[in-house]
């Protein structure tokens, strides 16, 4: 069994930014690693389709890619909570900050139809 790489970030090393995720910040690096993994999984799915692999095998890889992409979204939400909410509370605008975070959660939880 393959050892699982630890691609999570150390919460203490995340740098706050009002305008989003800054270049060179640990969360940015973690997101790049994870998204490159998703891209690799999608390319693998394309190869499986071209090879006419078993449907169950393809679906298993689709599920893995969906889960990996979901984790990217979770990391973005965690970073948003850590940075933007903290800054909003410090600025004394708790209501607007709460609405912004609720909207971000809504976007993340939307289901495709």
Protein backbone atom coordinates (compact mmCIF):
# COMPACT_ATOMS: atom_id res chain seq x y z
CA UNK A 1 0.00 0.00 0.00
CA UNK A 2 1.27 3.44 -0.96
CA UNK A 3 2.09 5.80 1.89
CA UNK A 4 -0.17 8.84 1.87
CA UNK A 5 1.66 12.12 1.37
CA UNK A 6 0.86 14.82 3.87
CA UNK A 7 -0.22 17.72 1.66
CA UNK A 8 -1.99 19.64 4.40
CA UNK A 9 -0.48 22.87 5.56
CA UNK A 10 0.67 23.99 8.94
CA UNK A 11 -2.04 26.39 10.12
CA UNK A 12 0.49 28.56 11.90
CA UNK A 13 2.32 29.27 8.62
CA UNK A 14 -0.62 30.72 6.71
CA UNK A 15 -0.14 34.39 5.95
CA UNK A 16 -3.26 36.60 6.10
CA UNK A 17 -4.29 38.60 3.06
CA UNK A 18 -7.29 40.83 2.55
CA UNK A 19 -7.29 40.26 -1.19
CA UNK A 20 -7.05 36.47 -1.15
CA UNK A 21 -4.33 33.86 -1.32
CA UNK A 22 -0.90 35.41 -1.83
CA UNK A 23 1.80 33.95 -4.01
CA UNK A 24 4.47 31.98 -2.13
CA UNK A 25 2.23 31.36 0.87
CA UNK A 26 2.02 27.75 2.13
CA UNK A 27 -1.71 27.48 1.30
CA UNK A 28 -0.95 28.53 -2.28
CA UNK A 29 1.71 25.82 -2.58
CA UNK A 30 -0.62 23.21 -1.08
CA UNK A 31 -3.41 24.18 -3.49
CA UNK A 32 -1.06 23.94 -6.46
CA UNK A 33 0.07 20.47 -5.40
CA UNK A 34 -3.49 19.29 -4.93
CA UNK A 35 -4.75 20.79 -8.19
CA UNK A 36 -1.86 19.24 -10.11
CA UNK A 37 -2.88 15.91 -8.59
CA UNK A 38 -6.47 16.43 -9.78
CA UNK A 39 -5.21 17.31 -13.26
CA UNK A 40 -3.15 14.10 -13.27
CA UNK A 41 -6.18 12.11 -12.17
CA UNK A 42 -8.31 13.64 -14.95
CA UNK A 43 -5.62 12.86 -17.52
CA UNK A 44 -5.56 9.30 -16.19
CA UNK A 45 -9.33 9.07 -16.61
CA UNK A 46 -8.99 10.20 -20.23
CA UNK A 47 -6.37 7.50 -20.85
CA UNK A 48 -8.64 4.90 -19.23
CA UNK A 49 -11.51 5.94 -21.51
CA UNK A 50 -9.22 5.72 -24.56
CA UNK A 51 -8.11 2.22 -23.44
CA UNK A 52 -11.77 1.27 -22.93
CA UNK A 53 -11.17 0.39 -19.29
CA UNK A 54 -13.91 -1.12 -17.16
CA UNK A 55 -16.66 1.34 -16.20
CA UNK A 56 -16.19 0.55 -12.50
CA UNK A 57 -12.50 1.42 -12.69
CA UNK A 58 -13.22 4.70 -14.46
CA UNK A 59 -15.92 5.61 -11.94
CA UNK A 60 -13.56 4.87 -9.08
CA UNK A 61 -11.04 7.33 -10.52
CA UNK A 62 -13.78 9.93 -11.15
CA UNK A 63 -14.77 9.63 -7.51
CA UNK A 64 -11.15 10.03 -6.39
CA UNK A 65 -10.76 13.17 -8.54
CA UNK A 66 -14.02 14.63 -7.19
CA UNK A 67 -12.87 14.01 -3.62
CA UNK A 68 -9.48 15.59 -4.30
CA UNK A 69 -11.11 18.67 -5.83
CA UNK A 70 -13.51 18.87 -2.88
CA UNK A 71 -10.52 18.93 -0.54
CA UNK A 72 -9.11 21.87 -2.51
CA UNK A 73 -12.34 23.73 -1.81
CA UNK A 74 -12.15 22.82 1.87
CA UNK A 75 -8.63 24.25 2.10
CA UNK A 76 -9.76 27.47 0.43
CA UNK A 77 -12.66 27.77 2.90
CA UNK A 78 -10.37 27.08 5.85
CA UNK A 79 -7.94 29.73 4.65
CA UNK A 80 -10.80 32.16 4.07
CA UNK A 81 -12.07 31.57 7.58
CA UNK A 82 -8.61 31.99 9.05
CA UNK A 83 -7.82 35.20 7.16
CA UNK A 84 -10.92 37.10 6.17
CA UNK A 85 -13.10 36.36 9.16
CA UNK A 86 -10.32 37.28 11.56
CA UNK A 87 -9.73 40.54 9.70
CA UNK A 88 -13.47 41.33 9.61
CA UNK A 89 -13.86 40.71 13.31
CA UNK A 90 -10.82 42.86 14.08
CA UNK A 91 -12.33 45.62 11.92
CA UNK A 92 -15.57 45.33 13.89
CA UNK A 93 -17.72 44.31 10.92
CA UNK A 94 -18.93 40.94 12.16
CA UNK A 95 -22.30 40.98 10.35
CA UNK A 96 -20.89 41.71 6.88
CA UNK A 97 -18.06 39.24 7.46
CA UNK A 98 -20.51 36.54 8.51
CA UNK A 99 -22.62 37.16 5.40
CA UNK A 100 -19.52 36.92 3.17
CA UNK A 101 -18.49 33.63 4.74
CA UNK A 102 -22.02 32.23 4.52
CA UNK A 103 -22.05 33.10 0.82
CA UNK A 104 -18.69 31.38 0.33
CA UNK A 105 -20.03 28.24 2.01
CA UNK A 106 -23.12 28.40 -0.21
CA UNK A 107 -20.94 28.59 -3.33
CA UNK A 108 -18.84 25.67 -2.14
CA UNK A 109 -21.89 23.51 -1.33
CA UNK A 110 -23.75 24.07 -4.60
CA UNK A 111 -24.58 20.87 -6.41
CA UNK A 112 -24.57 20.56 -10.18
CA UNK A 113 -27.88 19.49 -11.67
